[in-house]
Amino acid sequence: MAIVLPKFSSRRVSSGRKLACRAEPALGLRLLSLQPGLEPRETLEFEYCIQRVSAELIDHLEVSVMWYTEGKGSEDIGIHLFESHSREELQRQPLEQPWQTSCVLPVAPLSYEGHLLKIRWCVRLRLYLNDGRDITAEQAFYLGHLTVEV
């Protein structure tokens, strides 16, 4: 399971001052498929968990399966699955316990690795905290046989 930690400041603390040790929230995300590539109409299964934060500090969590383009021109994005979970929903089970989600993948667009354009698929988690911070975790996968421009 991939654990995503927030970035810390590179500012150094003088040896005379002690820094309060505070655990930062983290997201765990794992695809349950044994392979990084899935075929259209195949079921994508994944699990995720929230670590080192109490539910009272969470505003909500967004879970999405999406594709996006990279390259020349404008970048496009498409959402295949979107779920939003409130603090109350997340309190129904321990946050560290994995939550599982699945969806049937569409027939298009397929993953593509070209010189001018790339189409990428991923599962994205975005945790919004009450203090205005958000933490994002992504796990990439391929839809279809990856096509590479020669």
Foldseek 3Di string as FASTA:
>chain_A
DDKDFDDDDPDDDDPVDDDDDADGKIKDKDWPDPAQEDEAQDKTKMKMAIDRDDLVFFAKKKKWKKKWKDFPDDIDIDTPDIDIGGSVRCVPDDRRDIDMDMDGHHNDDWFEAEPGMTMWIWIKMWTATPVGDIDMDIDTGGYDDYYYDD
